Each structure stands twice: as C-alpha cells, then as structure tokens.
PDB file of N, CA and C in Angstrom:
ATOM      1  N   GLN A   1     143.977 119.337 136.533  1.00  0.00           N
ATOM      2  CA  GLN A   1     144.238 120.324 135.519  1.00  0.00           C
ATOM      3  C   GLN A   1     142.948 120.607 134.746  1.00  0.00           C
ATOM      4  N   VAL A   2     142.586 121.880 134.648  1.00  0.00           N
ATOM      5  CA  VAL A   2     141.417 122.290 133.885  1.00  0.00           C
ATOM      6  C   VAL A   2     141.775 122.299 132.404  1.00  0.00           C
ATOM      7  N   GLN A   3     140.916 121.706 131.593  1.00  0.00           N
ATOM      8  CA  GLN A   3     141.117 121.706 130.156  1.00  0.00           C
ATOM      9  C   GLN A   3     139.994 122.471 129.466  1.00  0.00           C
ATOM     10  N   LEU A   4     140.362 123.258 128.456  1.00  0.00           N
ATOM     11  CA  LEU A   4     139.429 124.069 127.697  1.00  0.00           C
ATOM     12  C   LEU A   4     139.565 123.716 126.223  1.00  0.00           C
ATOM     13  N   VAL A   5     138.442 123.499 125.558  1.00  0.00           N
ATOM     14  CA  VAL A   5     138.456 123.144 124.143  1.00  0.00           C
ATOM     15  C   VAL A   5     137.518 124.068 123.389  1.00  0.00           C
ATOM     16  N   GLU A   6     138.081 124.892 122.507  1.00  0.00           N
ATOM     17  CA  GLU A   6     137.291 125.819 121.704  1.00  0.00           C
ATOM     18  C   GLU A   6     136.846 125.158 120.405  1.00  0.00           C
ATOM     19  N   SER A   7     135.709 125.613 119.896  1.00  0.00           N
ATOM     20  CA  SER A   7     135.219 125.165 118.605  1.00  0.00           C
ATOM     21  C   SER A   7     134.313 126.247 118.022  1.00  0.00           C
ATOM     22  N   GLY A   8     133.981 126.117 116.753  1.00  0.00           N
ATOM     23  CA  GLY A   8     133.036 127.021 116.119  1.00  0.00           C
ATOM     24  C   GLY A   8     133.635 128.036 115.175  1.00  0.00           C
ATOM     25  N   GLY A   9     134.950 128.110 115.095  1.00  0.00           N
ATOM     26  CA  GLY A   9     135.576 129.037 114.177  1.00  0.00           C
ATOM     27  C   GLY A   9     135.405 128.604 112.737  1.00  0.00           C
ATOM     28  N   GLY A  10     135.755 129.497 111.823  1.00  0.00           N
ATOM     29  CA  GLY A  10     135.643 129.187 110.415  1.00  0.00           C
ATOM     30  C   GLY A  10     135.860 130.399 109.547  1.00  0.00           C
ATOM     31  N   LEU A  11     135.548 130.241 108.269  1.00  0.00           N
ATOM     32  CA  LEU A  11     135.678 131.303 107.280  1.00  0.00           C
ATOM     33  C   LEU A  11     134.297 131.822 106.923  1.00  0.00           C
ATOM     34  N   VAL A  12     134.086 133.129 107.110  1.00  0.00           N
ATOM     35  CA  VAL A  12     132.799 133.751 106.802  1.00  0.00           C
ATOM     36  C   VAL A  12     133.030 135.061 106.061  1.00  0.00           C
ATOM     37  N   GLN A  13     131.966 135.569 105.454  1.00  0.00           N
ATOM     38  CA  GLN A  13     132.011 136.866 104.802  1.00  0.00           C
ATOM     39  C   GLN A  13     131.651 137.969 105.784  1.00  0.00           C
ATOM     40  N   ALA A  14     132.110 139.167 105.513  1.00  0.00           N
ATOM     41  CA  ALA A  14     131.775 140.312 106.350  1.00  0.00           C
ATOM     42  C   ALA A  14     130.260 140.447 106.488  1.00  0.00           C
ATOM     43  N   GLY A  15     129.818 140.722 107.712  1.00  0.00           N
ATOM     44  CA  GLY A  15     128.407 140.865 108.000  1.00  0.00           C
ATOM     45  C   GLY A  15     127.744 139.602 108.518  1.00  0.00           C
ATOM     46  N   GLN A  16     128.404 138.468 108.370  1.00  0.00           N
ATOM     47  CA  GLN A  16     127.852 137.207 108.851  1.00  0.00           C
ATOM     48  C   GLN A  16     128.168 136.990 110.327  1.00  0.00           C
ATOM     49  N   SER A  17     127.688 135.875 110.873  1.00  0.00           N
ATOM     50  CA  SER A  17     127.814 135.588 112.300  1.00  0.00           C
ATOM     51  C   SER A  17     128.451 134.234 112.551  1.00  0.00           C
ATOM     52  N   LEU A  18     129.062 134.095 113.716  1.00  0.00           N
ATOM     53  CA  LEU A  18     129.587 132.834 114.212  1.00  0.00           C
ATOM     54  C   LEU A  18     129.321 132.750 115.708  1.00  0.00           C
ATOM     55  N   ARG A  19     129.192 131.528 116.216  1.00  0.00           N
ATOM     56  CA  ARG A  19     129.144 131.315 117.653  1.00  0.00           C
ATOM     57  C   ARG A  19     130.254 130.363 118.054  1.00  0.00           C
ATOM     58  N   LEU A  20     131.150 130.846 118.896  1.00  0.00           N
ATOM     59  CA  LEU A  20     132.235 130.037 119.408  1.00  0.00           C
ATOM     60  C   LEU A  20     131.810 129.363 120.709  1.00  0.00           C
ATOM     61  N   SER A  21     132.308 128.148 120.929  1.00  0.00           N
ATOM     62  CA  SER A  21     132.028 127.406 122.146  1.00  0.00           C
ATOM     63  C   SER A  21     133.324 127.045 122.851  1.00  0.00           C
ATOM     64  N   CYS A  22     133.284 127.029 124.171  1.00  0.00           N
ATOM     65  CA  CYS A  22     134.420 126.624 124.996  1.00  0.00           C
ATOM     66  C   CYS A  22     133.930 125.579 125.988  1.00  0.00           C
ATOM     67  N   ALA A  23     134.307 124.329 125.764  1.00  0.00           N
ATOM     68  CA  ALA A  23     133.945 123.240 126.665  1.00  0.00           C
ATOM     69  C   ALA A  23     134.985 123.146 127.776  1.00  0.00           C
ATOM     70  N   VAL A  24     134.523 123.140 129.025  1.00  0.00           N
ATOM     71  CA  VAL A  24     135.393 123.177 130.199  1.00  0.00           C
ATOM     72  C   VAL A  24     135.291 121.859 130.954  1.00  0.00           C
ATOM     73  N   SER A  25     136.424 121.378 131.471  1.00  0.00           N
ATOM     74  CA  SER A  25     136.486 120.064 132.099  1.00  0.00           C
ATOM     75  C   SER A  25     136.061 120.047 133.562  1.00  0.00           C
ATOM     76  N   GLU A  26     135.640 121.167 134.109  1.00  0.00           N
ATOM     77  CA  GLU A  26     135.138 121.221 135.464  1.00  0.00           C
ATOM     78  C   GLU A  26     133.920 122.124 135.524  1.00  0.00           C
ATOM     79  N   SER A  27     133.256 122.145 136.661  1.00  0.00           N
ATOM     80  CA  SER A  27     132.053 122.949 136.822  1.00  0.00           C
ATOM     81  C   SER A  27     132.385 124.428 136.714  1.00  0.00           C
ATOM     82  N   ILE A  28     131.852 125.093 135.692  1.00  0.00           N
ATOM     83  CA  ILE A  28     132.164 126.509 135.513  1.00  0.00           C
ATOM     84  C   ILE A  28     131.441 127.379 136.532  1.00  0.00           C
ATOM     85  N   SER A  29     130.454 126.838 137.214  1.00  0.00           N
ATOM     86  CA  SER A  29     129.778 127.601 138.259  1.00  0.00           C
ATOM     87  C   SER A  29     130.708 127.891 139.425  1.00  0.00           C
ATOM     88  N   ARG A  30     131.810 127.162 139.518  1.00  0.00           N
ATOM     89  CA  ARG A  30     132.789 127.355 140.585  1.00  0.00           C
ATOM     90  C   ARG A  30     133.979 128.206 140.154  1.00  0.00           C
ATOM     91  N   ILE A  31     133.966 128.661 138.917  1.00  0.00           N
ATOM     92  CA  ILE A  31     135.041 129.498 138.397  1.00  0.00           C
ATOM     93  C   ILE A  31     134.569 130.947 138.383  1.00  0.00           C
ATOM     94  N   ASP A  32     135.309 131.827 139.045  1.00  0.00           N
ATOM     95  CA  ASP A  32     134.866 133.203 139.214  1.00  0.00           C
ATOM     96  C   ASP A  32     134.746 133.959 137.903  1.00  0.00           C
ATOM     97  N   HIS A  33     135.697 133.748 136.988  1.00  0.00           N
ATOM     98  CA  HIS A  33     135.731 134.478 135.734  1.00  0.00           C
ATOM     99  C   HIS A  33     136.045 133.532 134.581  1.00  0.00           C
ATOM    100  N   MET A  34     135.319 133.692 133.479  1.00  0.00           N
ATOM    101  CA  MET A  34     135.624 133.024 132.223  1.00  0.00           C
ATOM    102  C   MET A  34     135.618 134.088 131.134  1.00  0.00           C
ATOM    103  N   GLY A  35     136.398 133.862 130.092  1.00  0.00           N
ATOM    104  CA  GLY A  35     136.421 134.864 129.044  1.00  0.00           C
ATOM    105  C   GLY A  35     137.096 134.417 127.771  1.00  0.00           C
ATOM    106  N   TRP A  36     137.141 135.359 126.838  1.00  0.00           N
ATOM    107  CA  TRP A  36     137.736 135.142 125.524  1.00  0.00           C
ATOM    108  C   TRP A  36     138.768 136.213 125.220  1.00  0.00           C
ATOM    109  N   TYR A  37     139.888 135.779 124.687  1.00  0.00           N
ATOM    110  CA  TYR A  37     140.905 136.646 124.115  1.00  0.00           C
ATOM    111  C   TYR A  37     141.030 136.330 122.633  1.00  0.00           C
ATOM    112  N   ARG A  38     141.674 137.229 121.892  1.00  0.00           N
ATOM    113  CA  ARG A  38     141.987 136.940 120.504  1.00  0.00           C
ATOM    114  C   ARG A  38     143.357 137.491 120.157  1.00  0.00           C
ATOM    115  N   GLN A  39     143.972 136.901 119.143  1.00  0.00           N
ATOM    116  CA  GLN A  39     145.273 137.351 118.676  1.00  0.00           C
ATOM    117  C   GLN A  39     145.309 137.317 117.158  1.00  0.00           C
ATOM    118  N   ALA A  40     145.448 138.488 116.564  1.00  0.00           N
ATOM    119  CA  ALA A  40     145.561 138.617 115.123  1.00  0.00           C
ATOM    120  C   ALA A  40     147.024 138.494 114.717  1.00  0.00           C
ATOM    121  N   PRO A  41     147.288 138.150 113.455  1.00  0.00           N
ATOM    122  CA  PRO A  41     148.675 138.016 113.000  1.00  0.00           C
ATOM    123  C   PRO A  41     149.482 139.286 113.253  1.00  0.00           C
ATOM    124  N   GLY A  42     150.621 139.137 113.912  1.00  0.00           N
ATOM    125  CA  GLY A  42     151.495 140.260 114.188  1.00  0.00           C
ATOM    126  C   GLY A  42     151.026 141.187 115.291  1.00  0.00           C
ATOM    127  N   LYS A  43     149.946 140.833 115.983  1.00  0.00           N
ATOM    128  CA  LYS A  43     149.386 141.687 117.021  1.00  0.00           C
ATOM    129  C   LYS A  43     149.434 141.009 118.391  1.00  0.00           C
ATOM    130  N   LYS A  44     149.345 141.830 119.432  1.00  0.00           N
ATOM    131  CA  LYS A  44     149.332 141.338 120.803  1.00  0.00           C
ATOM    132  C   LYS A  44     147.977 140.723 121.124  1.00  0.00           C
ATOM    133  N   ARG A  45     147.976 139.688 121.945  1.00  0.00           N
ATOM    134  CA  ARG A  45     146.728 139.088 122.384  1.00  0.00           C
ATOM    135  C   ARG A  45     145.922 140.108 123.187  1.00  0.00           C
ATOM    136  N   GLU A  46     144.621 140.222 122.891  1.00  0.00           N
ATOM    137  CA  GLU A  46     143.787 141.209 123.546  1.00  0.00           C
ATOM    138  C   GLU A  46     142.524 140.575 124.116  1.00  0.00           C
ATOM    139  N   LEU A  47     142.040 141.148 125.200  1.00  0.00           N
ATOM    140  CA  LEU A  47     140.809 140.688 125.826  1.00  0.00           C
ATOM    141  C   LEU A  47     139.616 141.078 124.967  1.00  0.00           C
ATOM    142  N   VAL A  48     138.706 140.128 124.744  1.00  0.00           N
ATOM    143  CA  VAL A  48     137.486 140.371 123.995  1.00  0.00           C
ATOM    144  C   VAL A  48     136.296 140.541 124.931  1.00  0.00           C
ATOM    145  N   ALA A  49     136.113 139.586 125.847  1.00  0.00           N
ATOM    146  CA  ALA A  49     134.950 139.610 126.729  1.00  0.00           C
ATOM    147  C   ALA A  49     135.225 138.789 127.977  1.00  0.00           C
ATOM    148  N   ARG A  50     134.495 139.112 129.045  1.00  0.00           N
ATOM    149  CA  ARG A  50     134.637 138.424 130.324  1.00  0.00           C
ATOM    150  C   ARG A  50     133.249 138.229 130.934  1.00  0.00           C
ATOM    151  N   ILE A  51     133.046 137.105 131.615  1.00  0.00           N
ATOM    152  CA  ILE A  51     131.799 136.865 132.330  1.00  0.00           C
ATOM    153  C   ILE A  51     132.120 136.280 133.695  1.00  0.00           C
ATOM    154  N   THR A  52     131.448 136.772 134.737  1.00  0.00           N
ATOM    155  CA  THR A  52     131.658 136.290 136.095  1.00  0.00           C
ATOM    156  C   THR A  52     130.688 135.164 136.408  1.00  0.00           C
ATOM    157  N   SER A  53     130.926 134.504 137.540  1.00  0.00           N
ATOM    158  CA  SER A  53     130.030 133.444 137.981  1.00  0.00           C
ATOM    159  C   SER A  53     128.631 133.973 138.261  1.00  0.00           C
ATOM    160  N   GLY A  54     128.526 135.266 138.557  1.00  0.00           N
ATOM    161  CA  GLY A  54     127.238 135.894 138.791  1.00  0.00           C
ATOM    162  C   GLY A  54     126.556 136.396 137.537  1.00  0.00           C
ATOM    163  N   GLY A  55     127.222 136.278 136.379  1.00  0.00           N
ATOM    164  CA  GLY A  55     126.620 136.665 135.123  1.00  0.00           C
ATOM    165  C   GLY A  55     126.964 138.060 134.642  1.00  0.00           C
ATOM    166  N   THR A  56     127.800 138.778 135.368  1.00  0.00           N
ATOM    167  CA  THR A  56     128.210 140.110 134.940  1.00  0.00           C
ATOM    168  C   THR A  56     129.159 140.007 133.752  1.00  0.00           C
ATOM    169  N   THR A  57     128.904 140.784 132.714  1.00  0.00           N
ATOM    170  CA  THR A  57     129.713 140.729 131.498  1.00  0.00           C
ATOM    171  C   THR A  57     130.399 142.056 131.231  1.00  0.00           C
ATOM    172  N   THR A  58     131.576 141.982 130.622  1.00  0.00           N
ATOM    173  CA  THR A  58     132.303 143.159 130.171  1.00  0.00           C
ATOM    174  C   THR A  58     132.866 142.878 128.785  1.00  0.00           C
ATOM    175  N   TYR A  59     133.033 143.947 127.994  1.00  0.00           N
ATOM    176  CA  TYR A  59     133.508 143.828 126.622  1.00  0.00           C
ATOM    177  C   TYR A  59     134.491 144.932 126.301  1.00  0.00           C
ATOM    178  N   LYS A  60     135.384 144.646 125.386  1.00  0.00           N
ATOM    179  CA  LYS A  60     136.191 145.699 124.813  1.00  0.00           C
ATOM    180  C   LYS A  60     135.268 146.586 123.988  1.00  0.00           C
ATOM    181  N   SER A  61     135.512 147.896 124.014  1.00  0.00           N
ATOM    182  CA  SER A  61     134.608 148.856 123.393  1.00  0.00           C
ATOM    183  C   SER A  61     134.360 148.573 121.917  1.00  0.00           C
ATOM    184  N   SER A  62     135.376 148.149 121.185  1.00  0.00           N
ATOM    185  CA  SER A  62     135.229 147.925 119.758  1.00  0.00           C
ATOM    186  C   SER A  62     134.314 146.748 119.430  1.00  0.00           C
ATOM    187  N   MET A  63     134.095 145.849 120.376  1.00  0.00           N
ATOM    188  CA  MET A  63     133.243 144.692 120.163  1.00  0.00           C
ATOM    189  C   MET A  63     131.863 144.823 120.813  1.00  0.00           C
ATOM    190  N   LYS A  64     131.716 145.788 121.707  1.00  0.00           N
ATOM    191  CA  LYS A  64     130.452 145.963 122.409  1.00  0.00           C
ATOM    192  C   LYS A  64     129.336 146.260 121.414  1.00  0.00           C
ATOM    193  N   GLY A  65     128.218 145.544 121.560  1.00  0.00           N
ATOM    194  CA  GLY A  65     127.093 145.703 120.664  1.00  0.00           C
ATOM    195  C   GLY A  65     127.054 144.682 119.553  1.00  0.00           C
ATOM    196  N   ARG A  66     128.183 144.061 119.246  1.00  0.00           N
ATOM    197  CA  ARG A  66     128.254 143.019 118.226  1.00  0.00           C
ATOM    198  C   ARG A  66     128.501 141.637 118.821  1.00  0.00           C
ATOM    199  N   PHE A  67     129.284 141.577 119.895  1.00  0.00           N
ATOM    200  CA  PHE A  67     129.647 140.303 120.516  1.00  0.00           C
ATOM    201  C   PHE A  67     128.902 140.140 121.836  1.00  0.00           C
ATOM    202  N   THR A  68     128.528 138.896 122.151  1.00  0.00           N
ATOM    203  CA  THR A  68     127.863 138.580 123.399  1.00  0.00           C
ATOM    204  C   THR A  68     128.479 137.326 124.007  1.00  0.00           C
ATOM    205  N   ILE A  69     128.937 137.424 125.259  1.00  0.00           N
ATOM    206  CA  ILE A  69     129.450 136.263 125.969  1.00  0.00           C
ATOM    207  C   ILE A  69     128.347 135.725 126.878  1.00  0.00           C
ATOM    208  N   SER A  70     128.256 134.403 126.972  1.00  0.00           N
ATOM    209  CA  SER A  70     127.267 133.771 127.824  1.00  0.00           C
ATOM    210  C   SER A  70     127.833 132.457 128.348  1.00  0.00           C
ATOM    211  N   ARG A  71     127.126 131.862 129.311  1.00  0.00           N
ATOM    212  CA  ARG A  71     127.574 130.590 129.872  1.00  0.00           C
ATOM    213  C   ARG A  71     126.382 129.691 130.138  1.00  0.00           C
ATOM    214  N   ASP A  72     126.581 128.392 129.969  1.00  0.00           N
ATOM    215  CA  ASP A  72     125.587 127.385 130.275  1.00  0.00           C
ATOM    216  C   ASP A  72     126.206 126.475 131.328  1.00  0.00           C
ATOM    217  N   ASN A  73     125.861 126.698 132.579  1.00  0.00           N
ATOM    218  CA  ASN A  73     126.479 125.950 133.672  1.00  0.00           C
ATOM    219  C   ASN A  73     126.170 124.455 133.602  1.00  0.00           C
ATOM    220  N   ALA A  74     124.984 124.098 133.115  1.00  0.00           N
ATOM    221  CA  ALA A  74     124.607 122.694 133.020  1.00  0.00           C
ATOM    222  C   ALA A  74     125.489 121.946 132.033  1.00  0.00           C
ATOM    223  N   LYS A  75     125.966 122.647 130.998  1.00  0.00           N
ATOM    224  CA  LYS A  75     126.809 122.033 129.985  1.00  0.00           C
ATOM    225  C   LYS A  75     128.289 122.340 130.182  1.00  0.00           C
ATOM    226  N   ASN A  76     128.610 123.120 131.208  1.00  0.00           N
ATOM    227  CA  ASN A  76     129.993 123.543 131.457  1.00  0.00           C
ATOM    228  C   ASN A  76     130.624 124.129 130.193  1.00  0.00           C
ATOM    229  N   THR A  77     129.887 125.029 129.576  1.00  0.00           N
ATOM    230  CA  THR A  77     130.307 125.611 128.308  1.00  0.00           C
ATOM    231  C   THR A  77     130.119 127.121 128.332  1.00  0.00           C
ATOM    232  N   VAL A  78     131.095 127.823 127.777  1.00  0.00           N
ATOM    233  CA  VAL A  78     131.040 129.274 127.606  1.00  0.00           C
ATOM    234  C   VAL A  78     130.960 129.572 126.115  1.00  0.00           C
ATOM    235  N   TYR A  79     130.147 130.551 125.744  1.00  0.00           N
ATOM    236  CA  TYR A  79     129.936 130.890 124.342  1.00  0.00           C
ATOM    237  C   TYR A  79     130.353 132.322 124.047  1.00  0.00           C
ATOM    238  N   LEU A  80     130.682 132.559 122.793  1.00  0.00           N
ATOM    239  CA  LEU A  80     130.877 133.909 122.295  1.00  0.00           C
ATOM    240  C   LEU A  80     130.110 134.033 120.985  1.00  0.00           C
ATOM    241  N   GLN A  81     128.990 134.743 121.020  1.00  0.00           N
ATOM    242  CA  GLN A  81     128.208 135.009 119.823  1.00  0.00           C
ATOM    243  C   GLN A  81     128.767 136.248 119.150  1.00  0.00           C
ATOM    244  N   MET A  82     129.142 136.120 117.887  1.00  0.00           N
ATOM    245  CA  MET A  82     129.760 137.208 117.141  1.00  0.00           C
ATOM    246  C   MET A  82     128.884 137.537 115.941  1.00  0.00           C
ATOM    247  N   ASN A  83     128.326 138.734 115.930  1.00  0.00           N
ATOM    248  CA  ASN A  83     127.474 139.198 114.842  1.00  0.00           C
ATOM    249  C   ASN A  83     128.149 140.333 114.088  1.00  0.00           C
ATOM    250  N   SER A  84     127.671 140.578 112.883  1.00  0.00           N
ATOM    251  CA  SER A  84     128.184 141.679 112.055  1.00  0.00           C
ATOM    252  C   SER A  84     129.703 141.659 111.981  1.00  0.00           C
ATOM    253  N   LEU A  85     130.246 140.508 111.675  1.00  0.00           N
ATOM    254  CA  LEU A  85     131.693 140.337 111.668  1.00  0.00           C
ATOM    255  C   LEU A  85     132.356 141.203 110.605  1.00  0.00           C
ATOM    256  N   LYS A  86     133.541 141.685 110.937  1.00  0.00           N
ATOM    257  CA  LYS A  86     134.329 142.542 110.069  1.00  0.00           C
ATOM    258  C   LYS A  86     135.673 141.885 109.791  1.00  0.00           C
ATOM    259  N   PRO A  87     136.317 142.242 108.685  1.00  0.00           N
ATOM    260  CA  PRO A  87     137.638 141.658 108.405  1.00  0.00           C
ATOM    261  C   PRO A  87     138.632 141.853 109.543  1.00  0.00           C
ATOM    262  N   GLU A  88     138.548 142.954 110.272  1.00  0.00           N
ATOM    263  CA  GLU A  88     139.458 143.198 111.379  1.00  0.00           C
ATOM    264  C   GLU A  88     139.218 142.288 112.580  1.00  0.00           C
ATOM    265  N   ASP A  89     138.136 141.501 112.551  1.00  0.00           N
ATOM    266  CA  ASP A  89     137.897 140.505 113.587  1.00  0.00           C
ATOM    267  C   ASP A  89     138.676 139.216 113.343  1.00  0.00           C
ATOM    268  N   THR A  90     139.327 139.105 112.203  1.00  0.00           N
ATOM    269  CA  THR A  90     140.115 137.922 111.883  1.00  0.00           C
ATOM    270  C   THR A  90     141.210 137.720 112.926  1.00  0.00           C
ATOM    271  N   ALA A  91     141.228 136.542 113.554  1.00  0.00           N
ATOM    272  CA  ALA A  91     142.183 136.253 114.619  1.00  0.00           C
ATOM    273  C   ALA A  91     141.982 134.819 115.088  1.00  0.00           C
ATOM    274  N   VAL A  92     142.902 134.362 115.925  1.00  0.00           N
ATOM    275  CA  VAL A  92     142.696 133.130 116.672  1.00  0.00           C
ATOM    276  C   VAL A  92     142.063 133.510 118.002  1.00  0.00           C
ATOM    277  N   TYR A  93     140.961 132.867 118.340  1.00  0.00           N
ATOM    278  CA  TYR A  93     140.227 133.170 119.558  1.00  0.00           C
ATOM    279  C   TYR A  93     140.493 132.102 120.602  1.00  0.00           C
ATOM    280  N   PHE A  94     140.825 132.540 121.829  1.00  0.00           N
ATOM    281  CA  PHE A  94     141.197 131.654 122.921  1.00  0.00           C
ATOM    282  C   PHE A  94     140.243 131.811 124.094  1.00  0.00           C
ATOM    283  N   CYS A  95     139.910 130.712 124.722  1.00  0.00           N
ATOM    284  CA  CYS A  95     139.119 130.694 125.944  1.00  0.00           C
ATOM    285  C   CYS A  95     140.053 130.587 127.142  1.00  0.00           C
ATOM    286  N   THR A  96     139.688 131.243 128.264  1.00  0.00           N
ATOM    287  CA  THR A  96     140.525 131.194 129.457  1.00  0.00           C
ATOM    288  C   THR A  96     139.679 131.282 130.724  1.00  0.00           C
ATOM    289  N   ASP A  97     140.212 130.742 131.815  1.00  0.00           N
ATOM    290  CA  ASP A  97     139.585 130.873 133.130  1.00  0.00           C
ATOM    291  C   ASP A  97     140.267 131.950 133.965  1.00  0.00           C
ATOM    292  N   PHE A  98     141.158 132.707 133.346  1.00  0.00           N
ATOM    293  CA  PHE A  98     141.885 133.799 133.994  1.00  0.00           C
ATOM    294  C   PHE A  98     142.734 133.327 135.167  1.00  0.00           C
ATOM    295  N   ARG A  99     143.099 132.067 135.164  1.00  0.00           N
ATOM    296  CA  ARG A  99     143.975 131.522 136.200  1.00  0.00           C
ATOM    297  C   ARG A  99     145.232 130.978 135.525  1.00  0.00           C
ATOM    298  N   VAL A 100     145.207 129.689 135.168  1.00  0.00           N
ATOM    299  CA  VAL A 100     146.375 129.084 134.527  1.00  0.00           C
ATOM    300  C   VAL A 100     146.040 128.344 133.247  1.00  0.00           C
ATOM    301  N   SER A 101     144.763 128.274 132.866  1.00  0.00           N
ATOM    302  CA  SER A 101     144.345 127.424 131.761  1.00  0.00           C
ATOM    303  C   SER A 101     143.938 128.228 130.529  1.00  0.00           C
ATOM    304  N   TRP A 102     144.350 127.727 129.373  1.00  0.00           N
ATOM    305  CA  TRP A 102     144.001 128.277 128.073  1.00  0.00           C
ATOM    306  C   TRP A 102     143.639 127.137 127.137  1.00  0.00           C
ATOM    307  N   GLY A 103     142.724 127.404 126.210  1.00  0.00           N
ATOM    308  CA  GLY A 103     142.456 126.458 125.150  1.00  0.00           C
ATOM    309  C   GLY A 103     143.495 126.596 124.053  1.00  0.00           C
ATOM    310  N   GLN A 104     143.402 125.735 123.041  1.00  0.00           N
ATOM    311  CA  GLN A 104     144.358 125.773 121.936  1.00  0.00           C
ATOM    312  C   GLN A 104     144.001 126.833 120.909  1.00  0.00           C
ATOM    313  N   GLY A 105     142.795 127.362 120.959  1.00  0.00           N
ATOM    314  CA  GLY A 105     142.362 128.411 120.053  1.00  0.00           C
ATOM    315  C   GLY A 105     141.584 127.887 118.869  1.00  0.00           C
ATOM    316  N   THR A 106     140.727 128.750 118.322  1.00  0.00           N
ATOM    317  CA  THR A 106     139.984 128.435 117.112  1.00  0.00           C
ATOM    318  C   THR A 106     140.088 129.619 116.156  1.00  0.00           C
ATOM    319  N   GLN A 107     140.362 129.330 114.894  1.00  0.00           N
ATOM    320  CA  GLN A 107     140.614 130.373 113.909  1.00  0.00           C
ATOM    321  C   GLN A 107     139.312 130.946 113.372  1.00  0.00           C
ATOM    322  N   VAL A 108     139.218 132.272 113.371  1.00  0.00           N
ATOM    323  CA  VAL A 108     138.109 132.993 112.752  1.00  0.00           C
ATOM    324  C   VAL A 108     138.685 133.852 111.644  1.00  0.00           C
ATOM    325  N   THR A 109     138.193 133.670 110.429  1.00  0.00           N
ATOM    326  CA  THR A 109     138.641 134.452 109.287  1.00  0.00           C
ATOM    327  C   THR A 109     137.436 135.096 108.626  1.00  0.00           C
ATOM    328  N   VAL A 110     137.486 136.417 108.455  1.00  0.00           N
ATOM    329  CA  VAL A 110     136.380 137.174 107.877  1.00  0.00           C
ATOM    330  C   VAL A 110     136.867 137.827 106.593  1.00  0.00           C
ATOM    331  N   SER A 111     136.236 137.484 105.488  1.00  0.00           N
ATOM    332  CA  SER A 111     136.606 138.041 104.194  1.00  0.00           C
ATOM    333  C   SER A 111     135.712 139.230 103.853  1.00  0.00           C
ATOM    334  N   SER A 112     136.242 140.160 103.079  1.00  0.00           N
ATOM    335  CA  SER A 112     135.484 141.336 102.681  1.00  0.00           C
ATOM    336  C   SER A 112     134.747 141.101 101.378  1.00  0.00           C
TER     337      SER A 112
END
C-alpha cells in the first residue's frame, strides 16, 4: 500500500507564500502521475496541479503563474510551491498518485 503524508500547511496573510510537501512511501520515479487537489469548505474537490514521471506539468488556469509543482525523486517527495496566496486559496490540500492513494490533507488558510 502506497502511503502519502502531506505537510507545510498553515495560516498566512494574503500575498505570502507556502511550500507544501508530499512524502511518498515508494519510488516516485515509477509512478506515472503525481499531483495535488484541494477542497474548500462547502466546495467540490478540484485538481490543482499534476506532474508526470517525465516532468511535464499542468495547472488549473486560476493557479497558473502562482503555483508550481515539482518532484525530487531522490527524496521521494512532491512539492507544491504557492506564491501570492489569496483568501480564495483557503482549503485542505491533498496529495495523490491518481490511482488509489490519498494523503490525509494539510490545511492552508489565507487571511485578508
């Protein structure tokens, strides 16, 4: 069973930055896709970013230019760098391998 553990969330002011980390229990170089979803209170879970084993990245349009997904295969860790945070970015952020595994989530709260 693949296990994912997110960290790095917290409370920040609008305009500040956070970097989320997702520690994976197996070699991520063998996983075709890794990514991040988020779920705000009362809202449907939505895709934030995706990265392939070859390094190709995709983003939801509203986050493109502010968020960057990356991976460190040596550390079996996936990151989400979030800059210029806005109150509407407030949500629980989840890491996934797009198969059967999800992390427990990390809370990001952005105050105005």
